[in-house]
Amino acid sequence: MADGEEDLPRDAKIVKTLLKSMGVDNYEPRVVHQLLELWYRYVVDVLTDAQVYSEHAAKSTIDSDDLKLAIQSKVNFSFSQPPPREVLLELARERNKIPLPKSLSGPGMALPPESDMLISPNYQLLISKKRASEAVEETEEDEEASDSKANTSQEQRTPQRVSFPLGPKRAR
């Protein structure tokens, strides 16, 4: 056996042997744990159902008939057979009689609306309008006096929202 396989539980060794017998040589180690979990869950479900059937029949222990009934009910309700090939072929013929709709976008790839595309505007800037009297340049002398004016002039501005597209420039 390979290194580390001596430490594995008996059930894990059985799962590895099953995988090897089916020709599966390359798999992740988690596959063994996932198969063990599926195996344990299935066994617990079958045994729980068999216990319910045994109690319903007023038996003190679970016998093989209860297990067979539990397995059969699990197979009937958990697994389903695909429909016969003829039924699938008939359904395919009926579906293929309906022609595909004509393409409205023309040749090439159909793109979503511009509002749903990544190159559409996705942000907004808040720009305030300045009054004409506030646009005068300040001198060094007015710098101290303008600090108090700046606080009041910012409150008088009216905000305006502007969006910019992220795509290439468009010709006007």
C-alpha atoms as a PDB file:
ATOM      1  CA  MET A   1       0.000   0.000   0.000  1.00  0.00           C
ATOM      2  CA  ALA A   2       1.046   3.599  -0.515  1.00  0.00           C
ATOM      3  CA  ASP A   3       2.276   5.850   2.262  1.00  0.00           C
ATOM      4  CA  GLY A   4      -0.506   6.986   4.571  1.00  0.00           C
ATOM      5  CA  GLU A   5      -2.981   4.286   3.507  1.00  0.00           C
ATOM      6  CA  GLU A   6      -2.330   2.284   6.686  1.00  0.00           C
ATOM      7  CA  ASP A   7      -3.893   5.143   8.668  1.00  0.00           C
ATOM      8  CA  LEU A   8      -7.112   5.177   6.623  1.00  0.00           C
ATOM      9  CA  PRO A   9     -10.306   3.662   8.021  1.00  0.00           C
ATOM     10  CA  ARG A  10     -11.577   0.456   6.463  1.00  0.00           C
ATOM     11  CA  ASP A  11     -14.419   2.246   4.631  1.00  0.00           C
ATOM     12  CA  ALA A  12     -12.022   4.728   3.016  1.00  0.00           C
ATOM     13  CA  LYS A  13      -9.848   1.833   1.824  1.00  0.00           C
ATOM     14  CA  ILE A  14     -12.940   0.201   0.310  1.00  0.00           C
ATOM     15  CA  VAL A  15     -13.854   3.423  -1.526  1.00  0.00           C
ATOM     16  CA  LYS A  16     -10.287   3.693  -2.885  1.00  0.00           C
ATOM     17  CA  THR A  17     -10.419   0.062  -4.018  1.00  0.00           C
ATOM     18  CA  LEU A  18     -13.764   0.696  -5.745  1.00  0.00           C
ATOM     19  CA  LEU A  19     -12.374   3.744  -7.551  1.00  0.00           C
ATOM     20  CA  LYS A  20      -9.299   1.783  -8.657  1.00  0.00           C
ATOM     21  CA  SER A  21     -11.449  -1.144  -9.877  1.00  0.00           C
ATOM     22  CA  MET A  22     -13.483   1.289 -12.011  1.00  0.00           C
ATOM     23  CA  GLY A  23     -10.296   2.621 -13.628  1.00  0.00           C
ATOM     24  CA  VAL A  24     -10.171   5.921 -11.731  1.00  0.00           C
ATOM     25  CA  ASP A  25      -6.514   6.478 -10.840  1.00  0.00           C
ATOM     26  CA  ASN A  26      -6.275  10.260 -10.651  1.00  0.00           C
ATOM     27  CA  TYR A  27      -8.608  12.034  -8.198  1.00  0.00           C
ATOM     28  CA  GLU A  28      -8.445  14.536  -5.373  1.00  0.00           C
ATOM     29  CA  PRO A  29      -8.282  13.123  -1.831  1.00  0.00           C
ATOM     30  CA  ARG A  30     -11.536  14.938  -0.996  1.00  0.00           C
ATOM     31  CA  VAL A  31     -13.385  12.642  -3.404  1.00  0.00           C
ATOM     32  CA  VAL A  32     -12.964   9.746  -0.981  1.00  0.00           C
ATOM     33  CA  HIS A  33     -14.450  11.828   1.852  1.00  0.00           C
ATOM     34  CA  GLN A  34     -17.355  12.988  -0.314  1.00  0.00           C
ATOM     35  CA  LEU A  35     -18.160   9.430  -1.389  1.00  0.00           C
ATOM     36  CA  LEU A  36     -17.983   8.256   2.224  1.00  0.00           C
ATOM     37  CA  GLU A  37     -20.377  11.004   3.280  1.00  0.00           C
ATOM     38  CA  LEU A  38     -22.814  10.045   0.488  1.00  0.00           C
ATOM     39  CA  TRP A  39     -22.499   6.387   1.441  1.00  0.00           C
ATOM     40  CA  TYR A  40     -23.141   7.037   5.141  1.00  0.00           C
ATOM     41  CA  ARG A  41     -26.101   9.320   4.431  1.00  0.00           C
ATOM     42  CA  TYR A  42     -27.678   6.727   2.137  1.00  0.00           C
ATOM     43  CA  VAL A  43     -27.225   3.931   4.697  1.00  0.00           C
ATOM     44  CA  VAL A  44     -28.690   6.040   7.511  1.00  0.00           C
ATOM     45  CA  ASP A  45     -31.708   6.956   5.355  1.00  0.00           C
ATOM     46  CA  VAL A  46     -32.329   3.323   4.400  1.00  0.00           C
ATOM     47  CA  LEU A  47     -31.975   2.088   7.981  1.00  0.00           C
ATOM     48  CA  THR A  48     -34.265   4.842   9.282  1.00  0.00           C
ATOM     49  CA  ASP A  49     -36.921   3.910   6.708  1.00  0.00           C
ATOM     50  CA  ALA A  50     -36.510   0.212   7.530  1.00  0.00           C
ATOM     51  CA  GLN A  51     -37.019   0.976  11.227  1.00  0.00           C
ATOM     52  CA  VAL A  52     -40.215   2.889  10.439  1.00  0.00           C
ATOM     53  CA  TYR A  53     -41.499  -0.054   8.348  1.00  0.00           C
ATOM     54  CA  SER A  54     -40.590  -2.481  11.143  1.00  0.00           C
ATOM     55  CA  GLU A  55     -42.418  -0.414  13.776  1.00  0.00           C
ATOM     56  CA  HIS A  56     -45.445  -0.130  11.485  1.00  0.00           C
ATOM     57  CA  ALA A  57     -45.530  -3.935  11.198  1.00  0.00           C
ATOM     58  CA  ALA A  58     -45.287  -4.191  15.023  1.00  0.00           C
ATOM     59  CA  LYS A  59     -41.961  -6.056  14.865  1.00  0.00           C
ATOM     60  CA  SER A  60     -39.315  -5.760  17.553  1.00  0.00           C
ATOM     61  CA  THR A  61     -36.355  -5.907  15.132  1.00  0.00           C
ATOM     62  CA  ILE A  62     -35.579  -4.922  11.560  1.00  0.00           C
ATOM     63  CA  ASP A  63     -35.518  -7.879   9.175  1.00  0.00           C
ATOM     64  CA  SER A  64     -34.472  -8.289   5.551  1.00  0.00           C
ATOM     65  CA  ASP A  65     -38.000  -7.601   4.256  1.00  0.00           C
ATOM     66  CA  ASP A  66     -37.951  -4.171   5.926  1.00  0.00           C
ATOM     67  CA  LEU A  67     -34.549  -3.426   4.380  1.00  0.00           C
ATOM     68  CA  LYS A  68     -35.688  -4.554   0.925  1.00  0.00           C
ATOM     69  CA  LEU A  69     -38.796  -2.379   1.171  1.00  0.00           C
ATOM     70  CA  ALA A  70     -36.742   0.629   2.325  1.00  0.00           C
ATOM     71  CA  ILE A  71     -34.221   0.209  -0.503  1.00  0.00           C
ATOM     72  CA  GLN A  72     -36.979  -0.253  -3.083  1.00  0.00           C
ATOM     73  CA  SER A  73     -38.811   2.878  -1.917  1.00  0.00           C
ATOM     74  CA  LYS A  74     -35.529   4.828  -2.005  1.00  0.00           C
ATOM     75  CA  VAL A  75     -34.875   3.642  -5.575  1.00  0.00           C
ATOM     76  CA  ASN A  76     -38.433   4.441  -6.689  1.00  0.00           C
ATOM     77  CA  PHE A  77     -38.487   7.974  -5.266  1.00  0.00           C
ATOM     78  CA  SER A  78     -34.843   9.033  -5.522  1.00  0.00           C
ATOM     79  CA  PHE A  79     -33.844   7.779  -8.935  1.00  0.00           C
ATOM     80  CA  SER A  80     -35.801   8.059 -12.151  1.00  0.00           C
ATOM     81  CA  GLN A  81     -35.273   6.469 -15.522  1.00  0.00           C
ATOM     82  CA  PRO A  82     -34.952   8.722 -18.562  1.00  0.00           C
ATOM     83  CA  PRO A  83     -37.791   8.528 -21.064  1.00  0.00           C
ATOM     84  CA  PRO A  84     -37.389   6.096 -23.971  1.00  0.00           C
ATOM     85  CA  ARG A  85     -35.368   7.221 -26.984  1.00  0.00           C
ATOM     86  CA  GLU A  86     -38.438   7.285 -29.239  1.00  0.00           C
ATOM     87  CA  VAL A  87     -40.220   9.733 -26.935  1.00  0.00           C
ATOM     88  CA  LEU A  88     -37.189  12.055 -26.886  1.00  0.00           C
ATOM     89  CA  LEU A  89     -36.899  11.915 -30.694  1.00  0.00           C
ATOM     90  CA  GLU A  90     -40.581  12.797 -31.103  1.00  0.00           C
ATOM     91  CA  LEU A  91     -40.241  15.731 -28.711  1.00  0.00           C
ATOM     92  CA  ALA A  92     -37.175  16.934 -30.624  1.00  0.00           C
ATOM     93  CA  ARG A  93     -39.035  16.730 -33.950  1.00  0.00           C
ATOM     94  CA  GLU A  94     -41.940  18.769 -32.571  1.00  0.00           C
ATOM     95  CA  ARG A  95     -39.619  21.412 -31.108  1.00  0.00           C
ATOM     96  CA  ASN A  96     -37.513  21.663 -34.260  1.00  0.00           C
ATOM     97  CA  LYS A  97     -40.592  22.334 -36.424  1.00  0.00           C
ATOM     98  CA  ILE A  98     -40.788  25.820 -34.879  1.00  0.00           C
ATOM     99  CA  PRO A  99     -38.339  28.135 -36.716  1.00  0.00           C
ATOM    100  CA  LEU A 100     -35.992  30.359 -34.763  1.00  0.00           C
ATOM    101  CA  PRO A 101     -36.952  34.053 -34.586  1.00  0.00           C
ATOM    102  CA  LYS A 102     -35.321  36.431 -37.055  1.00  0.00           C
ATOM    103  CA  SER A 103     -32.510  38.533 -35.654  1.00  0.00           C
ATOM    104  CA  LEU A 104     -33.501  42.187 -35.338  1.00  0.00           C
ATOM    105  CA  SER A 105     -29.994  43.483 -34.628  1.00  0.00           C
ATOM    106  CA  GLY A 106     -28.513  42.506 -37.974  1.00  0.00           C
ATOM    107  CA  PRO A 107     -25.181  40.812 -38.509  1.00  0.00           C
ATOM    108  CA  GLY A 108     -22.690  40.526 -35.670  1.00  0.00           C
ATOM    109  CA  MET A 109     -23.091  40.000 -31.979  1.00  0.00           C
ATOM    110  CA  ALA A 110     -26.239  41.303 -30.297  1.00  0.00           C
ATOM    111  CA  LEU A 111     -25.290  43.646 -27.460  1.00  0.00           C
ATOM    112  CA  PRO A 112     -27.399  44.636 -24.466  1.00  0.00           C
ATOM    113  CA  PRO A 113     -28.842  48.149 -24.177  1.00  0.00           C
ATOM    114  CA  GLU A 114     -26.265  50.860 -23.519  1.00  0.00           C
ATOM    115  CA  SER A 115     -27.569  51.401 -19.987  1.00  0.00           C
ATOM    116  CA  ASP A 116     -26.615  47.793 -19.116  1.00  0.00           C
ATOM    117  CA  MET A 117     -23.148  47.901 -20.667  1.00  0.00           C
ATOM    118  CA  LEU A 118     -19.968  48.402 -18.679  1.00  0.00           C
ATOM    119  CA  ILE A 119     -18.978  51.434 -20.754  1.00  0.00           C
ATOM    120  CA  SER A 120     -22.091  53.402 -19.804  1.00  0.00           C
ATOM    121  CA  PRO A 121     -21.812  56.190 -17.225  1.00  0.00           C
ATOM    122  CA  ASN A 122     -21.593  54.633 -13.826  1.00  0.00           C
ATOM    123  CA  TYR A 123     -20.791  57.598 -11.610  1.00  0.00           C
ATOM    124  CA  GLN A 124     -21.837  61.187 -11.062  1.00  0.00           C
ATOM    125  CA  LEU A 125     -19.798  64.244 -10.115  1.00  0.00           C
ATOM    126  CA  LEU A 126     -21.196  67.003  -7.971  1.00  0.00           C
ATOM    127  CA  ILE A 127     -20.233  70.349  -9.535  1.00  0.00           C
ATOM    128  CA  SER A 128     -21.350  73.596  -7.962  1.00  0.00           C
ATOM    129  CA  LYS A 129     -22.141  76.679 -10.043  1.00  0.00           C
ATOM    130  CA  LYS A 130     -20.095  79.735  -9.075  1.00  0.00           C
ATOM    131  CA  ARG A 131     -21.500  83.203  -9.264  1.00  0.00           C
ATOM    132  CA  ALA A 132     -19.776  85.687 -11.542  1.00  0.00           C
ATOM    133  CA  SER A 133     -18.809  87.928  -8.605  1.00  0.00           C
ATOM    134  CA  GLU A 134     -16.960  85.049  -6.908  1.00  0.00           C
ATOM    135  CA  ALA A 135     -14.748  84.356  -9.914  1.00  0.00           C
ATOM    136  CA  VAL A 136     -12.431  87.299  -9.170  1.00  0.00           C
ATOM    137  CA  GLU A 137      -8.828  86.270  -8.431  1.00  0.00           C
ATOM    138  CA  GLU A 138      -7.627  86.746  -4.904  1.00  0.00           C
ATOM    139  CA  THR A 139      -4.479  88.553  -3.970  1.00  0.00           C
ATOM    140  CA  GLU A 140      -2.238  87.846  -1.011  1.00  0.00           C
ATOM    141  CA  GLU A 141      -3.758  90.731   0.899  1.00  0.00           C
ATOM    142  CA  ASP A 142      -7.292  89.410   0.527  1.00  0.00           C
ATOM    143  CA  GLU A 143      -6.321  85.890   1.566  1.00  0.00           C
ATOM    144  CA  GLU A 144      -7.137  86.346   5.269  1.00  0.00           C
ATOM    145  CA  ALA A 145     -10.430  88.074   4.590  1.00  0.00           C
ATOM    146  CA  SER A 146     -11.462  85.499   2.010  1.00  0.00           C
ATOM    147  CA  ASP A 147     -11.245  82.589   4.476  1.00  0.00           C
ATOM    148  CA  SER A 148     -14.405  83.765   6.198  1.00  0.00           C
ATOM    149  CA  LYS A 149     -16.086  84.510   2.830  1.00  0.00           C
ATOM    150  CA  ALA A 150     -15.256  81.015   1.497  1.00  0.00           C
ATOM    151  CA  ASN A 151     -17.360  79.355   4.148  1.00  0.00           C
ATOM    152  CA  THR A 152     -20.424  81.464   3.347  1.00  0.00           C
ATOM    153  CA  SER A 153     -19.946  81.302  -0.444  1.00  0.00           C
ATOM    154  CA  GLN A 154     -19.905  77.469  -0.412  1.00  0.00           C
ATOM    155  CA  GLU A 155     -23.307  77.447   1.248  1.00  0.00           C
ATOM    156  CA  GLN A 156     -24.765  79.667  -1.507  1.00  0.00           C
ATOM    157  CA  ARG A 157     -23.714  77.371  -4.391  1.00  0.00           C
ATOM    158  CA  THR A 158     -26.303  75.159  -6.073  1.00  0.00           C
ATOM    159  CA  PRO A 159     -25.156  71.611  -6.904  1.00  0.00           C
ATOM    160  CA  GLN A 160     -25.391  70.191 -10.425  1.00  0.00           C
ATOM    161  CA  ARG A 161     -24.964  66.490 -11.246  1.00  0.00           C
ATOM    162  CA  VAL A 162     -22.927  65.581 -14.324  1.00  0.00           C
ATOM    163  CA  SER A 163     -22.282  62.110 -15.814  1.00  0.00           C
ATOM    164  CA  PHE A 164     -19.383  61.139 -18.041  1.00  0.00           C
ATOM    165  CA  PRO A 165     -19.241  58.028 -20.257  1.00  0.00           C
ATOM    166  CA  LEU A 166     -16.206  55.782 -19.836  1.00  0.00           C
ATOM    167  CA  GLY A 167     -16.031  54.792 -23.530  1.00  0.00           C
ATOM    168  CA  PRO A 168     -14.054  56.486 -26.309  1.00  0.00           C
ATOM    169  CA  LYS A 169     -14.838  60.067 -27.329  1.00  0.00           C
ATOM    170  CA  ARG A 170     -17.778  60.392 -29.669  1.00  0.00           C
ATOM    171  CA  ALA A 171     -17.666  62.637 -32.729  1.00  0.00           C
ATOM    172  CA  ARG A 172     -20.013  65.590 -32.530  1.00  0.00           C
END
